[in-house]
N, C-alpha and C. Protein backbone atom coordinates (compact mmCIF):
# COMPACT_ATOMS: atom_id res chain seq x y z
N UNK A 1 7.19 -6.00 -1.94
CA UNK A 1 7.30 -5.92 -0.49
C UNK A 1 7.05 -7.28 0.12
N UNK A 2 7.88 -7.68 1.07
CA UNK A 2 7.72 -8.96 1.72
C UNK A 2 6.52 -8.93 2.64
N UNK A 3 5.72 -9.99 2.57
CA UNK A 3 4.54 -10.06 3.43
C UNK A 3 4.95 -10.24 4.88
N UNK A 4 4.35 -9.46 5.75
CA UNK A 4 4.66 -9.53 7.18
C UNK A 4 3.42 -9.97 7.92
N UNK A 5 3.48 -11.07 8.59
CA UNK A 5 2.35 -11.55 9.36
C UNK A 5 2.50 -11.13 10.81
N UNK A 6 1.36 -11.10 11.51
CA UNK A 6 1.38 -10.66 12.90
C UNK A 6 2.22 -11.58 13.78
N UNK A 7 2.35 -12.85 13.39
CA UNK A 7 3.05 -13.78 14.24
C UNK A 7 4.48 -14.04 13.85
N UNK A 8 4.97 -13.36 12.81
CA UNK A 8 6.33 -13.64 12.36
C UNK A 8 7.06 -12.35 12.04
N UNK A 9 8.08 -12.03 12.81
CA UNK A 9 8.90 -10.85 12.59
C UNK A 9 10.35 -11.28 12.60
N UNK A 10 11.03 -11.14 11.47
CA UNK A 10 12.39 -11.62 11.32
C UNK A 10 13.36 -10.50 11.63
N UNK A 11 14.15 -10.61 12.69
CA UNK A 11 15.09 -9.55 13.05
C UNK A 11 16.26 -9.49 12.09
N UNK A 12 16.93 -8.35 12.06
CA UNK A 12 18.13 -8.19 11.25
C UNK A 12 19.20 -9.15 11.75
N UNK A 13 19.89 -9.81 10.81
CA UNK A 13 20.94 -10.74 11.20
C UNK A 13 22.10 -9.98 11.83
N UNK A 14 22.57 -10.45 12.97
CA UNK A 14 23.65 -9.80 13.70
C UNK A 14 24.82 -10.78 13.80
N UNK A 15 26.01 -10.34 13.39
CA UNK A 15 27.18 -11.20 13.46
C UNK A 15 27.76 -11.18 14.87
N UNK A 16 28.60 -12.18 15.18
CA UNK A 16 29.23 -12.25 16.50
C UNK A 16 30.15 -11.05 16.70
N UNK A 17 30.81 -10.61 15.61
CA UNK A 17 31.69 -9.46 15.70
C UNK A 17 30.91 -8.20 16.07
N UNK A 18 29.69 -8.08 15.50
CA UNK A 18 28.84 -6.94 15.84
C UNK A 18 28.55 -6.93 17.34
N UNK A 19 28.25 -8.11 17.86
CA UNK A 19 27.91 -8.23 19.28
C UNK A 19 29.10 -7.88 20.16
N UNK A 20 30.27 -8.41 19.81
CA UNK A 20 31.48 -8.13 20.59
C UNK A 20 31.78 -6.65 20.62
N UNK A 21 31.68 -6.00 19.45
CA UNK A 21 31.95 -4.57 19.38
C UNK A 21 30.94 -3.78 20.19
N UNK A 22 29.68 -4.21 20.15
CA UNK A 22 28.65 -3.52 20.92
C UNK A 22 28.90 -3.64 22.41
N UNK A 23 29.33 -4.84 22.84
CA UNK A 23 29.61 -5.07 24.27
C UNK A 23 30.79 -4.22 24.74
N UNK A 24 31.77 -4.03 23.86
CA UNK A 24 32.92 -3.22 24.22
C UNK A 24 32.55 -1.77 24.47
N UNK A 25 31.47 -1.33 23.81
CA UNK A 25 31.08 0.08 23.93
C UNK A 25 30.25 0.35 25.19
N UNK A 26 29.85 -0.71 25.88
CA UNK A 26 29.07 -0.55 27.10
C UNK A 26 30.03 -0.48 28.29
N UNK A 27 29.95 0.59 29.03
CA UNK A 27 30.86 0.77 30.17
C UNK A 27 30.51 -0.20 31.30
N UNK A 28 31.52 -0.59 32.04
CA UNK A 28 31.30 -1.49 33.15
C UNK A 28 31.43 -2.95 32.74
N UNK A 29 31.17 -3.83 33.70
CA UNK A 29 31.34 -5.27 33.49
C UNK A 29 30.00 -5.90 33.13
N UNK A 30 29.97 -6.71 32.06
CA UNK A 30 28.75 -7.40 31.63
C UNK A 30 28.98 -8.90 31.74
N UNK A 31 28.25 -9.55 32.62
CA UNK A 31 28.40 -11.00 32.82
C UNK A 31 27.45 -11.74 31.88
N UNK A 32 27.78 -11.73 30.59
CA UNK A 32 26.95 -12.37 29.58
C UNK A 32 27.83 -12.70 28.38
N UNK A 33 27.56 -13.81 27.75
CA UNK A 33 28.35 -14.21 26.59
C UNK A 33 27.85 -13.50 25.34
N UNK A 34 28.68 -13.36 24.32
CA UNK A 34 28.23 -12.75 23.05
C UNK A 34 27.00 -13.46 22.49
N UNK A 35 26.96 -14.80 22.61
CA UNK A 35 25.82 -15.55 22.08
C UNK A 35 24.53 -15.18 22.80
N UNK A 36 24.62 -15.08 24.16
CA UNK A 36 23.44 -14.69 24.94
C UNK A 36 23.00 -13.27 24.60
N UNK A 37 24.00 -12.39 24.45
CA UNK A 37 23.72 -10.99 24.14
C UNK A 37 22.98 -10.90 22.80
N UNK A 38 23.46 -11.64 21.81
CA UNK A 38 22.85 -11.62 20.49
C UNK A 38 21.41 -12.12 20.54
N UNK A 39 21.19 -13.21 21.31
CA UNK A 39 19.85 -13.78 21.41
C UNK A 39 18.88 -12.81 22.08
N UNK A 40 19.34 -12.16 23.15
CA UNK A 40 18.50 -11.18 23.84
C UNK A 40 18.18 -10.01 22.92
N UNK A 41 19.20 -9.54 22.18
CA UNK A 41 18.99 -8.40 21.29
C UNK A 41 17.99 -8.74 20.20
N UNK A 42 18.15 -9.90 19.58
CA UNK A 42 17.24 -10.29 18.51
C UNK A 42 15.81 -10.42 19.01
N UNK A 43 15.64 -10.98 20.19
CA UNK A 43 14.32 -11.12 20.77
C UNK A 43 13.70 -9.76 21.06
N UNK A 44 14.50 -8.86 21.64
CA UNK A 44 14.01 -7.51 21.95
C UNK A 44 13.68 -6.74 20.67
N UNK A 45 14.51 -6.92 19.65
CA UNK A 45 14.30 -6.24 18.37
C UNK A 45 12.99 -6.70 17.74
N UNK A 46 12.75 -8.03 17.75
CA UNK A 46 11.52 -8.58 17.18
C UNK A 46 10.29 -8.05 17.91
N UNK A 47 10.38 -7.97 19.24
CA UNK A 47 9.25 -7.46 20.03
C UNK A 47 9.02 -5.98 19.75
N UNK A 48 10.10 -5.22 19.56
CA UNK A 48 9.98 -3.80 19.27
C UNK A 48 9.31 -3.58 17.92
N UNK A 49 9.71 -4.37 16.92
CA UNK A 49 9.09 -4.27 15.60
C UNK A 49 7.60 -4.59 15.68
N UNK A 50 7.27 -5.66 16.41
CA UNK A 50 5.86 -6.04 16.54
C UNK A 50 5.07 -4.93 17.24
N UNK A 51 5.66 -4.36 18.29
CA UNK A 51 4.97 -3.28 19.01
C UNK A 51 4.74 -2.07 18.12
N UNK A 52 5.75 -1.73 17.33
CA UNK A 52 5.62 -0.58 16.45
C UNK A 52 4.56 -0.81 15.38
N UNK A 53 4.54 -2.02 14.82
CA UNK A 53 3.59 -2.32 13.75
C UNK A 53 2.15 -2.39 14.25
N UNK A 54 1.98 -2.59 15.56
CA UNK A 54 0.62 -2.67 16.11
C UNK A 54 0.22 -1.39 16.85
N UNK A 55 1.10 -0.40 16.87
CA UNK A 55 0.80 0.83 17.60
C UNK A 55 0.22 1.93 16.70
N UNK A 56 0.36 1.76 15.38
CA UNK A 56 -0.10 2.78 14.45
C UNK A 56 -1.23 2.22 13.61
N UNK A 57 -2.32 2.96 13.52
CA UNK A 57 -3.50 2.49 12.79
C UNK A 57 -3.81 3.36 11.58
N UNK A 58 -4.69 2.85 10.73
CA UNK A 58 -5.01 3.51 9.46
C UNK A 58 -5.45 4.95 9.64
N UNK A 59 -6.24 5.23 10.66
CA UNK A 59 -6.75 6.58 10.84
C UNK A 59 -5.65 7.61 11.10
N UNK A 60 -4.46 7.13 11.51
CA UNK A 60 -3.35 8.04 11.78
C UNK A 60 -2.53 8.35 10.53
N UNK A 61 -2.60 7.50 9.52
CA UNK A 61 -1.76 7.70 8.34
C UNK A 61 -2.54 7.94 7.05
N UNK A 62 -3.85 7.72 7.06
CA UNK A 62 -4.63 7.82 5.83
C UNK A 62 -4.83 9.26 5.38
N UNK A 63 -5.04 9.41 4.08
CA UNK A 63 -5.46 10.69 3.51
C UNK A 63 -6.96 10.80 3.72
N UNK A 64 -7.41 11.85 4.38
CA UNK A 64 -8.81 11.93 4.77
C UNK A 64 -9.71 12.59 3.74
N UNK A 65 -9.11 13.29 2.78
CA UNK A 65 -9.90 13.86 1.67
C UNK A 65 -9.88 12.82 0.57
N UNK A 66 -10.97 12.07 0.43
CA UNK A 66 -11.01 10.95 -0.51
C UNK A 66 -11.58 11.38 -1.86
N UNK A 67 -10.83 11.15 -2.90
CA UNK A 67 -11.31 11.38 -4.26
C UNK A 67 -11.88 10.05 -4.76
N UNK A 68 -13.13 10.05 -5.18
CA UNK A 68 -13.75 8.82 -5.67
C UNK A 68 -14.62 9.13 -6.87
N UNK A 69 -15.02 8.08 -7.60
CA UNK A 69 -15.87 8.24 -8.77
C UNK A 69 -17.09 7.34 -8.64
N UNK A 70 -18.15 7.71 -9.32
CA UNK A 70 -19.36 6.89 -9.34
C UNK A 70 -19.19 5.78 -10.37
N UNK A 71 -19.75 4.63 -10.09
CA UNK A 71 -19.60 3.49 -10.99
C UNK A 71 -20.24 3.73 -12.36
N UNK A 72 -21.17 4.67 -12.45
CA UNK A 72 -21.83 4.96 -13.72
C UNK A 72 -21.14 6.09 -14.49
N UNK A 73 -20.06 6.65 -13.95
CA UNK A 73 -19.34 7.72 -14.64
C UNK A 73 -18.69 7.19 -15.91
N UNK A 74 -18.75 8.00 -16.98
CA UNK A 74 -18.10 7.61 -18.23
C UNK A 74 -16.59 7.54 -18.01
N UNK A 75 -15.93 6.63 -18.70
CA UNK A 75 -14.49 6.46 -18.52
C UNK A 75 -13.72 7.72 -18.85
N UNK A 76 -14.19 8.47 -19.84
CA UNK A 76 -13.49 9.71 -20.19
C UNK A 76 -13.51 10.69 -19.03
N UNK A 77 -14.65 10.73 -18.31
CA UNK A 77 -14.75 11.61 -17.15
C UNK A 77 -13.85 11.15 -16.02
N UNK A 78 -13.80 9.83 -15.79
CA UNK A 78 -12.93 9.29 -14.74
C UNK A 78 -11.46 9.55 -15.07
N UNK A 79 -11.10 9.37 -16.33
CA UNK A 79 -9.71 9.60 -16.75
C UNK A 79 -9.35 11.07 -16.56
N UNK A 80 -10.26 11.97 -16.90
CA UNK A 80 -10.02 13.40 -16.72
C UNK A 80 -9.79 13.74 -15.25
N UNK A 81 -10.61 13.14 -14.37
CA UNK A 81 -10.50 13.42 -12.93
C UNK A 81 -9.17 12.92 -12.38
N UNK A 82 -8.79 11.69 -12.74
CA UNK A 82 -7.53 11.14 -12.26
C UNK A 82 -6.34 11.98 -12.74
N UNK A 83 -6.44 12.44 -14.00
CA UNK A 83 -5.36 13.27 -14.54
C UNK A 83 -5.32 14.62 -13.84
N UNK A 84 -6.49 15.21 -13.60
CA UNK A 84 -6.56 16.52 -12.94
C UNK A 84 -6.00 16.46 -11.52
N UNK A 85 -6.33 15.39 -10.79
CA UNK A 85 -5.89 15.25 -9.39
C UNK A 85 -4.50 14.64 -9.29
N UNK A 86 -3.94 14.24 -10.42
CA UNK A 86 -2.60 13.64 -10.47
C UNK A 86 -2.49 12.42 -9.57
N UNK A 87 -3.47 11.54 -9.70
CA UNK A 87 -3.47 10.28 -8.97
C UNK A 87 -3.65 9.14 -9.97
N UNK A 88 -3.21 7.95 -9.59
CA UNK A 88 -3.26 6.83 -10.52
C UNK A 88 -4.46 5.92 -10.30
N UNK A 89 -5.26 6.20 -9.27
CA UNK A 89 -6.45 5.38 -9.03
C UNK A 89 -7.26 5.92 -7.87
N UNK A 90 -8.49 5.40 -7.74
CA UNK A 90 -9.36 5.85 -6.65
C UNK A 90 -10.49 4.85 -6.43
N UNK A 91 -11.20 4.97 -5.30
CA UNK A 91 -12.34 4.08 -5.04
C UNK A 91 -13.50 4.41 -5.97
N UNK A 92 -14.35 3.42 -6.17
CA UNK A 92 -15.57 3.58 -6.96
C UNK A 92 -16.75 3.33 -6.03
N UNK A 93 -17.73 4.22 -6.05
CA UNK A 93 -18.89 4.07 -5.18
C UNK A 93 -20.15 3.77 -5.98
N UNK A 94 -21.08 3.08 -5.33
CA UNK A 94 -22.36 2.77 -5.96
C UNK A 94 -23.39 3.82 -5.61
N UNK A 95 -24.65 3.53 -5.89
CA UNK A 95 -25.73 4.49 -5.71
C UNK A 95 -25.93 4.89 -4.25
N UNK A 96 -25.56 4.01 -3.31
CA UNK A 96 -25.73 4.30 -1.89
C UNK A 96 -24.46 4.86 -1.25
N UNK A 97 -23.45 5.15 -2.07
CA UNK A 97 -22.23 5.74 -1.55
C UNK A 97 -21.22 4.76 -0.99
N UNK A 98 -21.52 3.45 -1.09
CA UNK A 98 -20.60 2.43 -0.59
C UNK A 98 -19.54 2.12 -1.65
N UNK A 99 -18.35 1.76 -1.18
CA UNK A 99 -17.27 1.41 -2.10
C UNK A 99 -17.59 0.05 -2.73
N UNK A 100 -17.68 0.03 -4.07
CA UNK A 100 -18.01 -1.20 -4.79
C UNK A 100 -16.86 -1.69 -5.68
N UNK A 101 -15.80 -0.89 -5.75
CA UNK A 101 -14.66 -1.27 -6.58
C UNK A 101 -13.57 -0.23 -6.50
N UNK A 102 -12.51 -0.46 -7.24
CA UNK A 102 -11.40 0.48 -7.35
C UNK A 102 -11.04 0.57 -8.83
N UNK A 103 -10.79 1.77 -9.32
CA UNK A 103 -10.36 1.93 -10.71
C UNK A 103 -8.99 2.60 -10.73
N UNK A 104 -8.12 2.10 -11.58
CA UNK A 104 -6.76 2.63 -11.63
C UNK A 104 -6.23 2.58 -13.06
N UNK A 105 -5.02 3.11 -13.22
CA UNK A 105 -4.38 3.06 -14.54
C UNK A 105 -4.30 1.63 -15.04
N UNK A 106 -4.06 0.68 -14.15
CA UNK A 106 -3.94 -0.72 -14.57
C UNK A 106 -5.22 -1.21 -15.20
N UNK A 107 -6.38 -0.77 -14.68
CA UNK A 107 -7.66 -1.19 -15.24
C UNK A 107 -7.85 -0.61 -16.64
N UNK A 108 -7.45 0.65 -16.83
CA UNK A 108 -7.53 1.26 -18.15
C UNK A 108 -6.64 0.51 -19.14
N UNK A 109 -5.42 0.22 -18.73
CA UNK A 109 -4.47 -0.46 -19.60
C UNK A 109 -4.92 -1.88 -19.92
N UNK A 110 -5.51 -2.55 -18.94
CA UNK A 110 -6.02 -3.90 -19.16
C UNK A 110 -7.13 -3.88 -20.19
N UNK A 111 -8.02 -2.89 -20.10
CA UNK A 111 -9.13 -2.76 -21.05
C UNK A 111 -8.60 -2.45 -22.45
N UNK A 112 -7.47 -1.78 -22.51
CA UNK A 112 -6.87 -1.42 -23.80
C UNK A 112 -6.09 -2.58 -24.41
N UNK A 113 -6.00 -3.69 -23.69
CA UNK A 113 -5.36 -4.86 -24.27
C UNK A 113 -4.00 -5.20 -23.73
N UNK A 114 -3.56 -4.49 -22.69
CA UNK A 114 -2.25 -4.76 -22.10
C UNK A 114 -2.42 -5.60 -20.84
N UNK A 115 -1.73 -6.75 -20.79
CA UNK A 115 -1.78 -7.58 -19.60
C UNK A 115 -0.88 -7.07 -18.50
N UNK A 116 0.20 -6.39 -18.89
CA UNK A 116 1.13 -5.81 -17.92
C UNK A 116 1.23 -4.33 -18.17
N UNK A 117 1.78 -3.61 -17.21
CA UNK A 117 1.90 -2.16 -17.36
C UNK A 117 2.97 -1.81 -18.39
N UNK A 118 2.57 -1.19 -19.51
CA UNK A 118 3.55 -0.86 -20.55
C UNK A 118 4.23 0.48 -20.27
N UNK A 119 5.31 0.71 -20.97
CA UNK A 119 5.97 2.01 -20.89
C UNK A 119 5.25 2.97 -21.83
N UNK A 120 5.54 4.26 -21.70
CA UNK A 120 4.92 5.25 -22.59
C UNK A 120 5.29 4.96 -24.04
N UNK A 121 6.55 4.58 -24.28
CA UNK A 121 6.99 4.33 -25.64
C UNK A 121 6.30 3.12 -26.24
N UNK A 122 5.98 2.11 -25.44
CA UNK A 122 5.22 0.97 -25.94
C UNK A 122 3.82 1.38 -26.37
N UNK A 123 3.21 2.25 -25.56
CA UNK A 123 1.90 2.77 -25.92
C UNK A 123 1.97 3.59 -27.21
N UNK A 124 2.96 4.47 -27.29
CA UNK A 124 3.11 5.32 -28.47
C UNK A 124 3.36 4.48 -29.72
N UNK A 125 4.23 3.48 -29.61
CA UNK A 125 4.54 2.62 -30.75
C UNK A 125 3.31 1.89 -31.25
N UNK A 126 2.51 1.37 -30.31
CA UNK A 126 1.31 0.64 -30.69
C UNK A 126 0.31 1.55 -31.40
N UNK A 127 0.12 2.73 -30.85
CA UNK A 127 -0.86 3.66 -31.44
C UNK A 127 -0.39 4.17 -32.81
N UNK A 128 0.90 4.45 -32.93
CA UNK A 128 1.43 4.97 -34.18
C UNK A 128 1.44 3.92 -35.29
N UNK A 129 1.55 2.65 -34.92
CA UNK A 129 1.62 1.58 -35.92
C UNK A 129 0.26 0.95 -36.21
N UNK A 130 -0.76 1.38 -35.48
CA UNK A 130 -2.09 0.81 -35.66
C UNK A 130 -3.02 1.83 -36.31
N UNK A 131 -3.86 1.36 -37.22
CA UNK A 131 -4.80 2.27 -37.90
C UNK A 131 -5.86 2.78 -36.93
N UNK A 132 -6.19 1.96 -35.97
CA UNK A 132 -7.17 2.40 -34.97
C UNK A 132 -6.54 2.24 -33.59
N UNK A 133 -6.31 3.36 -32.94
CA UNK A 133 -5.65 3.33 -31.63
C UNK A 133 -6.49 2.56 -30.63
N UNK A 134 -5.84 1.81 -29.76
CA UNK A 134 -6.52 0.98 -28.76
C UNK A 134 -7.39 1.78 -27.81
N UNK A 135 -7.15 3.09 -27.73
CA UNK A 135 -7.92 3.91 -26.80
C UNK A 135 -9.40 3.92 -27.16
N UNK A 136 -9.71 3.57 -28.41
CA UNK A 136 -11.11 3.55 -28.85
C UNK A 136 -11.93 2.53 -28.08
N UNK A 137 -11.27 1.55 -27.51
CA UNK A 137 -11.99 0.54 -26.74
C UNK A 137 -12.66 1.13 -25.51
N UNK A 138 -12.19 2.30 -25.10
CA UNK A 138 -12.72 2.91 -23.88
C UNK A 138 -13.93 3.79 -24.11
N UNK A 139 -14.22 4.08 -25.39
CA UNK A 139 -15.37 4.94 -25.69
C UNK A 139 -16.68 4.24 -25.31
N UNK A 140 -17.62 5.03 -24.84
CA UNK A 140 -18.97 4.56 -24.51
C UNK A 140 -19.00 3.50 -23.39
N UNK A 141 -17.96 3.50 -22.56
CA UNK A 141 -17.96 2.59 -21.43
C UNK A 141 -17.92 3.40 -20.13
N UNK A 142 -18.40 2.76 -19.06
CA UNK A 142 -18.41 3.42 -17.76
C UNK A 142 -17.38 2.78 -16.84
N UNK A 143 -17.19 3.40 -15.69
CA UNK A 143 -16.21 2.91 -14.72
C UNK A 143 -16.52 1.47 -14.30
N UNK A 144 -17.80 1.16 -14.14
CA UNK A 144 -18.18 -0.19 -13.70
C UNK A 144 -17.76 -1.27 -14.68
N UNK A 145 -17.53 -0.90 -15.94
CA UNK A 145 -17.14 -1.88 -16.96
C UNK A 145 -15.70 -2.36 -16.78
N UNK A 146 -14.84 -1.55 -16.15
CA UNK A 146 -13.43 -1.92 -16.07
C UNK A 146 -12.88 -1.98 -14.65
N UNK A 147 -13.65 -1.51 -13.67
CA UNK A 147 -13.11 -1.42 -12.31
C UNK A 147 -12.76 -2.80 -11.75
N UNK A 148 -11.84 -2.81 -10.79
CA UNK A 148 -11.48 -4.04 -10.07
C UNK A 148 -12.47 -4.25 -8.94
N UNK A 149 -13.08 -5.42 -8.91
CA UNK A 149 -14.07 -5.73 -7.87
C UNK A 149 -14.00 -7.21 -7.52
N UNK A 150 -14.40 -7.59 -6.32
CA UNK A 150 -14.79 -6.72 -5.22
C UNK A 150 -13.57 -5.97 -4.69
N UNK A 151 -13.80 -4.81 -4.08
CA UNK A 151 -12.68 -4.01 -3.59
C UNK A 151 -12.07 -4.57 -2.31
N UNK A 152 -10.79 -4.35 -2.14
CA UNK A 152 -10.12 -4.66 -0.86
C UNK A 152 -10.20 -3.38 -0.03
N UNK A 153 -10.86 -3.43 1.12
CA UNK A 153 -11.02 -2.26 1.97
C UNK A 153 -10.62 -2.60 3.40
N UNK A 154 -10.57 -1.58 4.24
CA UNK A 154 -10.22 -1.77 5.65
C UNK A 154 -10.93 -0.73 6.50
N UNK A 155 -11.00 -1.00 7.80
CA UNK A 155 -11.57 0.01 8.69
C UNK A 155 -10.45 0.87 9.26
N UNK A 156 -10.82 1.94 9.91
CA UNK A 156 -9.85 2.94 10.35
C UNK A 156 -8.92 2.45 11.46
N UNK A 157 -9.26 1.32 12.11
CA UNK A 157 -8.44 0.83 13.21
C UNK A 157 -7.49 -0.29 12.80
N UNK A 158 -7.45 -0.61 11.52
CA UNK A 158 -6.50 -1.63 11.06
C UNK A 158 -5.08 -1.12 11.28
N UNK A 159 -4.21 -1.99 11.77
CA UNK A 159 -2.84 -1.59 12.07
C UNK A 159 -1.98 -1.54 10.82
N UNK A 160 -0.86 -0.83 10.94
CA UNK A 160 0.09 -0.72 9.83
C UNK A 160 0.60 -2.10 9.44
N UNK A 161 0.83 -2.97 10.42
CA UNK A 161 1.30 -4.32 10.12
C UNK A 161 0.30 -5.09 9.29
N UNK A 162 -0.99 -5.01 9.65
CA UNK A 162 -2.04 -5.71 8.91
C UNK A 162 -2.21 -5.11 7.52
N UNK A 163 -2.07 -3.80 7.41
CA UNK A 163 -2.17 -3.14 6.11
C UNK A 163 -1.03 -3.60 5.20
N UNK A 164 0.16 -3.72 5.75
CA UNK A 164 1.31 -4.21 4.98
C UNK A 164 1.03 -5.60 4.42
N UNK A 165 0.41 -6.45 5.24
CA UNK A 165 0.07 -7.79 4.81
C UNK A 165 -0.92 -7.77 3.65
N UNK A 166 -1.92 -6.89 3.73
CA UNK A 166 -2.90 -6.77 2.65
C UNK A 166 -2.25 -6.32 1.34
N UNK A 167 -1.38 -5.32 1.45
CA UNK A 167 -0.70 -4.80 0.25
C UNK A 167 0.11 -5.90 -0.42
N UNK A 168 0.83 -6.66 0.39
CA UNK A 168 1.68 -7.71 -0.16
C UNK A 168 0.86 -8.87 -0.72
N UNK A 169 -0.16 -9.29 0.02
CA UNK A 169 -0.97 -10.45 -0.37
C UNK A 169 -1.75 -10.20 -1.65
N UNK A 170 -2.33 -9.00 -1.78
CA UNK A 170 -3.18 -8.70 -2.93
C UNK A 170 -2.50 -7.87 -4.02
N UNK A 171 -1.23 -7.51 -3.78
CA UNK A 171 -0.47 -6.72 -4.76
C UNK A 171 -1.23 -5.46 -5.17
N UNK A 172 -1.65 -4.69 -4.18
CA UNK A 172 -2.39 -3.45 -4.42
C UNK A 172 -1.52 -2.25 -4.07
N UNK A 173 -1.89 -1.10 -4.62
CA UNK A 173 -1.15 0.13 -4.38
C UNK A 173 -1.91 1.12 -3.51
N UNK A 174 -3.19 0.85 -3.29
CA UNK A 174 -4.01 1.75 -2.49
C UNK A 174 -5.08 0.95 -1.76
N UNK A 175 -5.45 1.42 -0.57
CA UNK A 175 -6.43 0.72 0.25
C UNK A 175 -7.49 1.70 0.75
N UNK A 176 -8.72 1.64 0.22
CA UNK A 176 -9.79 2.50 0.73
C UNK A 176 -10.13 2.15 2.18
N UNK A 177 -10.25 3.18 3.00
CA UNK A 177 -10.66 3.01 4.40
C UNK A 177 -12.13 3.39 4.47
N UNK A 178 -12.95 2.50 4.99
CA UNK A 178 -14.40 2.73 4.98
C UNK A 178 -14.97 2.72 6.39
N UNK A 179 -16.18 3.33 6.52
CA UNK A 179 -16.87 3.31 7.81
C UNK A 179 -17.69 2.04 7.93
N UNK A 180 -18.51 1.95 8.96
CA UNK A 180 -19.31 0.74 9.20
C UNK A 180 -20.32 0.46 8.11
N UNK A 181 -20.64 1.49 7.31
CA UNK A 181 -21.61 1.34 6.22
C UNK A 181 -20.93 1.13 4.87
N UNK A 182 -19.61 1.00 4.89
CA UNK A 182 -18.89 0.77 3.64
C UNK A 182 -18.62 2.01 2.83
N UNK A 183 -18.83 3.19 3.43
CA UNK A 183 -18.59 4.45 2.71
C UNK A 183 -17.16 4.93 2.95
N UNK A 184 -16.53 5.50 1.93
CA UNK A 184 -15.12 5.90 2.05
C UNK A 184 -14.90 7.05 3.02
N UNK A 185 -13.92 6.88 3.91
CA UNK A 185 -13.56 7.96 4.85
C UNK A 185 -12.07 8.28 4.76
N UNK A 186 -11.33 7.51 3.98
CA UNK A 186 -9.90 7.76 3.86
C UNK A 186 -9.27 6.84 2.84
N UNK A 187 -7.99 7.06 2.59
CA UNK A 187 -7.24 6.24 1.64
C UNK A 187 -5.81 6.08 2.13
N UNK A 188 -5.31 4.85 2.13
CA UNK A 188 -3.92 4.58 2.46
C UNK A 188 -3.23 4.07 1.20
N UNK A 189 -2.13 4.71 0.82
CA UNK A 189 -1.37 4.30 -0.36
C UNK A 189 -0.04 3.71 0.09
N UNK A 190 0.70 3.16 -0.86
CA UNK A 190 2.03 2.64 -0.54
C UNK A 190 2.93 3.75 -0.01
N UNK A 191 2.75 4.97 -0.53
CA UNK A 191 3.54 6.10 -0.05
C UNK A 191 3.22 6.41 1.41
N UNK A 192 1.94 6.36 1.77
CA UNK A 192 1.54 6.58 3.16
C UNK A 192 2.19 5.53 4.06
N UNK A 193 2.22 4.28 3.56
CA UNK A 193 2.79 3.20 4.34
C UNK A 193 4.29 3.41 4.54
N UNK A 194 4.97 3.82 3.47
CA UNK A 194 6.41 4.06 3.56
C UNK A 194 6.71 5.19 4.54
N UNK A 195 5.91 6.25 4.49
CA UNK A 195 6.10 7.38 5.41
C UNK A 195 5.85 6.96 6.85
N UNK A 196 4.89 6.05 7.04
CA UNK A 196 4.58 5.61 8.40
C UNK A 196 5.74 4.80 8.98
N UNK A 197 6.39 3.96 8.16
CA UNK A 197 7.53 3.20 8.64
C UNK A 197 8.69 4.13 8.99
N UNK A 198 8.85 5.18 8.21
CA UNK A 198 9.89 6.15 8.51
C UNK A 198 9.60 6.84 9.84
N UNK A 199 8.33 7.19 10.03
CA UNK A 199 7.93 7.86 11.28
C UNK A 199 8.13 6.94 12.47
N UNK A 200 7.82 5.65 12.30
CA UNK A 200 8.01 4.70 13.39
C UNK A 200 9.49 4.57 13.73
N UNK A 201 10.33 4.57 12.71
CA UNK A 201 11.77 4.49 12.94
C UNK A 201 12.29 5.69 13.70
N UNK A 202 11.78 6.86 13.34
CA UNK A 202 12.20 8.09 14.03
C UNK A 202 11.73 8.08 15.47
N UNK A 203 10.52 7.56 15.69
CA UNK A 203 9.96 7.50 17.05
C UNK A 203 10.81 6.57 17.91
N UNK A 204 11.25 5.46 17.32
CA UNK A 204 12.04 4.48 18.07
C UNK A 204 13.39 5.05 18.48
N UNK A 205 13.92 5.96 17.64
CA UNK A 205 15.22 6.56 17.94
C UNK A 205 15.13 7.55 19.09
N UNK A 206 13.96 8.20 19.20
CA UNK A 206 13.82 9.26 20.20
C UNK A 206 13.65 8.71 21.62
């Protein structure tokens, strides 16, 4: 995803032919050149995008039922929970309930010796050709041993535009939303972000 900053919004490129055709569809006389029309449209489009990206905040799109694990939980327990809930990662909390990290499939795979995300067949091939499967590396370890820290978090009033920037800058797939004490109150994923852009597009059409 391309990083979007609050001060830079690149409008869709519009050809002169597009402008001429659009002007023809407007009834009545328009005292404006195609070049002026295109410039006005691009400026208005950029402002509309900026307005939309700053009108929706995390609390409106986040999942409010947060699944999280304790940093002292055994990895087998964390893996079971992620599999049961059919999610690929979740926040990790410390003894005071504050988010201290994030654990995901990538962290498990990294601990197993993979620098990049492998396919299932790569995993199967490695395990079948090795006398000791790499999964043994995960025994007797806790979530705190492999979690990603410090965590990237946000408050409930962060805008969709700012969240997009965080996702792109840090290459993350999920963003824990925390209260003033650092405790989890929600989660925004890439899917939530995609759905929010779709909703913004539908709102703009109406």
